[in-house]
C-alpha atoms as a PDB file:
ATOM      1  CA  MET A   1     -46.576  49.714  76.791  1.00  0.00           C
ATOM      2  CA  ARG A   2     -50.485  50.030  75.581  1.00  0.00           C
ATOM      3  CA  PHE A   3     -49.186  51.523  72.370  1.00  0.00           C
ATOM      4  CA  PHE A   4     -46.650  49.213  71.759  1.00  0.00           C
ATOM      5  CA  LEU A   5     -49.245  46.238  72.014  1.00  0.00           C
ATOM      6  CA  ILE A   6     -51.805  47.785  69.625  1.00  0.00           C
ATOM      7  CA  PHE A   7     -48.731  48.496  67.191  1.00  0.00           C
ATOM      8  CA  LEU A   8     -47.915  45.172  66.721  1.00  0.00           C
ATOM      9  CA  GLY A   9     -51.305  44.019  66.606  1.00  0.00           C
ATOM     10  CA  ALA A  10     -52.068  46.317  64.222  1.00  0.00           C
ATOM     11  CA  ALA A  11     -48.990  45.409  62.104  1.00  0.00           C
ATOM     12  CA  ALA A  12     -49.629  42.489  62.117  1.00  0.00           C
ATOM     13  CA  GLY A  13     -52.723  42.527  61.199  1.00  0.00           C
ATOM     14  CA  LEU A  14     -52.216  44.197  58.477  1.00  0.00           C
ATOM     15  CA  PHE A  15     -48.904  42.041  57.234  1.00  0.00           C
ATOM     16  CA  ALA A  16     -51.748  39.000  57.431  1.00  0.00           C
ATOM     17  CA  PHE A  17     -54.243  41.425  55.200  1.00  0.00           C
ATOM     18  CA  PHE A  18     -51.710  41.422  52.318  1.00  0.00           C
ATOM     19  CA  TYR A  19     -50.090  38.168  52.502  1.00  0.00           C
ATOM     20  CA  PHE A  20     -52.793  36.499  52.251  1.00  0.00           C
ATOM     21  CA  TYR A  21     -55.090  39.175  50.057  1.00  0.00           C
ATOM     22  CA  PRO A  22     -54.045  39.052  46.326  1.00  0.00           C
ATOM     23  CA  ALA A  23     -53.772  42.469  46.357  1.00  0.00           C
ATOM     24  CA  ALA A  24     -50.207  43.258  43.182  1.00  0.00           C
ATOM     25  CA  MET A  25     -49.861  47.326  45.001  1.00  0.00           C
ATOM     26  CA  PHE A  26     -46.709  46.580  45.691  1.00  0.00           C
ATOM     27  CA  GLN A  27     -44.030  48.050  42.542  1.00  0.00           C
ATOM     28  CA  ALA A  28     -41.244  46.282  41.991  1.00  0.00           C
ATOM     29  CA  THR A  29     -38.697  45.476  39.196  1.00  0.00           C
ATOM     30  CA  ILE A  30     -37.979  41.870  38.273  1.00  0.00           C
ATOM     31  CA  SER A  31     -34.878  40.561  36.700  1.00  0.00           C
ATOM     32  CA  SER A  32     -35.091  37.731  34.029  1.00  0.00           C
ATOM     33  CA  ASN A  33     -32.145  35.274  32.110  1.00  0.00           C
ATOM     34  CA  MET A  34     -34.574  38.054  29.392  1.00  0.00           C
ATOM     35  CA  ALA A  35     -35.623  41.437  30.119  1.00  0.00           C
ATOM     36  CA  GLN A  36     -36.255  43.818  33.255  1.00  0.00           C
ATOM     37  CA  VAL A  37     -39.914  43.995  33.732  1.00  0.00           C
ATOM     38  CA  THR A  38     -41.266  46.103  36.371  1.00  0.00           C
ATOM     39  CA  ALA A  39     -44.588  45.335  37.633  1.00  0.00           C
ATOM     40  CA  ASP A  40     -47.169  45.144  41.320  1.00  0.00           C
ATOM     41  CA  ILE A  41     -46.930  42.267  42.823  1.00  0.00           C
ATOM     42  CA  SER A  42     -47.934  41.500  46.257  1.00  0.00           C
ATOM     43  CA  LEU A  43     -46.852  40.453  49.205  1.00  0.00           C
ATOM     44  CA  LYS A  44     -46.706  36.419  48.898  1.00  0.00           C
ATOM     45  CA  THR A  45     -45.126  37.469  45.063  1.00  0.00           C
ATOM     46  CA  LEU A  46     -42.433  39.133  46.974  1.00  0.00           C
ATOM     47  CA  LEU A  47     -41.894  37.027  49.846  1.00  0.00           C
ATOM     48  CA  TYR A  48     -41.777  33.562  47.995  1.00  0.00           C
ATOM     49  CA  LYS A  49     -40.364  34.896  44.477  1.00  0.00           C
ATOM     50  CA  GLU A  50     -43.351  32.641  42.576  1.00  0.00           C
ATOM     51  CA  ASN A  51     -46.629  33.341  41.035  1.00  0.00           C
ATOM     52  CA  PHE A  52     -45.484  36.299  38.879  1.00  0.00           C
ATOM     53  CA  PRO A  53     -47.473  38.174  36.482  1.00  0.00           C
ATOM     54  CA  ASN A  54     -47.199  39.017  32.831  1.00  0.00           C
ATOM     55  CA  GLY A  55     -46.806  35.054  31.948  1.00  0.00           C
ATOM     56  CA  ILE A  56     -42.348  35.552  33.875  1.00  0.00           C
ATOM     57  CA  LEU A  57     -41.447  31.851  34.878  1.00  0.00           C
ATOM     58  CA  ALA A  58     -40.313  32.250  38.109  1.00  0.00           C
ATOM     59  CA  GLU A  59     -37.896  29.310  36.791  1.00  0.00           C
ATOM     60  CA  ASN A  60     -35.838  31.867  34.527  1.00  0.00           C
ATOM     61  CA  VAL A  61     -36.018  35.256  37.273  1.00  0.00           C
ATOM     62  CA  THR A  62     -32.984  36.354  38.753  1.00  0.00           C
ATOM     63  CA  ALA A  63     -33.846  39.105  41.261  1.00  0.00           C
ATOM     64  CA  VAL A  64     -36.899  40.961  42.813  1.00  0.00           C
ATOM     65  CA  SER A  65     -36.122  44.168  43.779  1.00  0.00           C
ATOM     66  CA  LEU A  66     -39.172  47.281  44.625  1.00  0.00           C
ATOM     67  CA  THR A  67     -38.943  50.123  43.689  1.00  0.00           C
ATOM     68  CA  VAL A  68     -39.446  53.695  44.814  1.00  0.00           C
ATOM     69  CA  GLN A  69     -43.330  53.591  45.120  1.00  0.00           C
ATOM     70  CA  GLY A  70     -42.888  49.808  46.323  1.00  0.00           C
ATOM     71  CA  VAL A  71     -40.895  51.026  49.500  1.00  0.00           C
ATOM     72  CA  LEU A  72     -42.392  53.693  50.212  1.00  0.00           C
ATOM     73  CA  ILE A  73     -46.496  51.784  49.668  1.00  0.00           C
ATOM     74  CA  LEU A  74     -44.400  48.747  52.227  1.00  0.00           C
ATOM     75  CA  ILE A  75     -43.665  51.215  54.643  1.00  0.00           C
ATOM     76  CA  ILE A  76     -47.257  53.210  54.763  1.00  0.00           C
ATOM     77  CA  CYS A  77     -49.166  50.085  54.889  1.00  0.00           C
ATOM     78  CA  LEU A  78     -46.763  48.347  57.575  1.00  0.00           C
ATOM     79  CA  VAL A  79     -45.284  50.255  59.653  1.00  0.00           C
ATOM     80  CA  ALA A  80     -47.744  54.350  59.157  1.00  0.00           C
ATOM     81  CA  LEU A  81     -50.992  52.461  59.315  1.00  0.00           C
ATOM     82  CA  PRO A  82     -50.110  50.779  62.677  1.00  0.00           C
ATOM     83  CA  LEU A  83     -48.383  54.177  63.898  1.00  0.00           C
ATOM     84  CA  MET A  84     -51.524  55.376  63.750  1.00  0.00           C
ATOM     85  CA  ILE A  85     -53.516  53.355  64.455  1.00  0.00           C
ATOM     86  CA  ALA A  86     -52.181  52.466  67.945  1.00  0.00           C
ATOM     87  CA  TYR A  87     -52.020  56.645  68.144  1.00  0.00           C
ATOM     88  CA  ARG A  88     -55.688  56.391  67.798  1.00  0.00           C
ATOM     89  CA  PHE A  89     -56.500  53.653  70.030  1.00  0.00           C
ATOM     90  CA  THR A  90     -53.482  55.569  73.296  1.00  0.00           C
ATOM     91  CA  LYS A  91     -54.957  58.951  72.132  1.00  0.00           C
ATOM     92  CA  THR A  92     -56.813  60.046  76.287  1.00  0.00           C
ATOM     93  CA  LYS A  93     -60.216  62.494  74.948  1.00  0.00           C
ATOM     94  CA  SER A  94     -59.506  65.929  76.513  1.00  0.00           C
END
């Protein structure tokens, strides 16, 4: 039970950090009416589809999808790191 609570707390903390801090670290493919661009975007941009980099207008965007690299970084940041933190906090000393 303690492991699960620490995992949830760490996952919520890391989600909040990456949501509020505009770190463009998740690689995504942005499709618009005119072109398809691969760029690094932040978690907030991924969720709300606004504030795109490189002068891409939000009204022209038709789809935003993470690349394989973006999915892996998202899984590492929001699942793997909280798992490691929870494991470290619940591991007993021998």
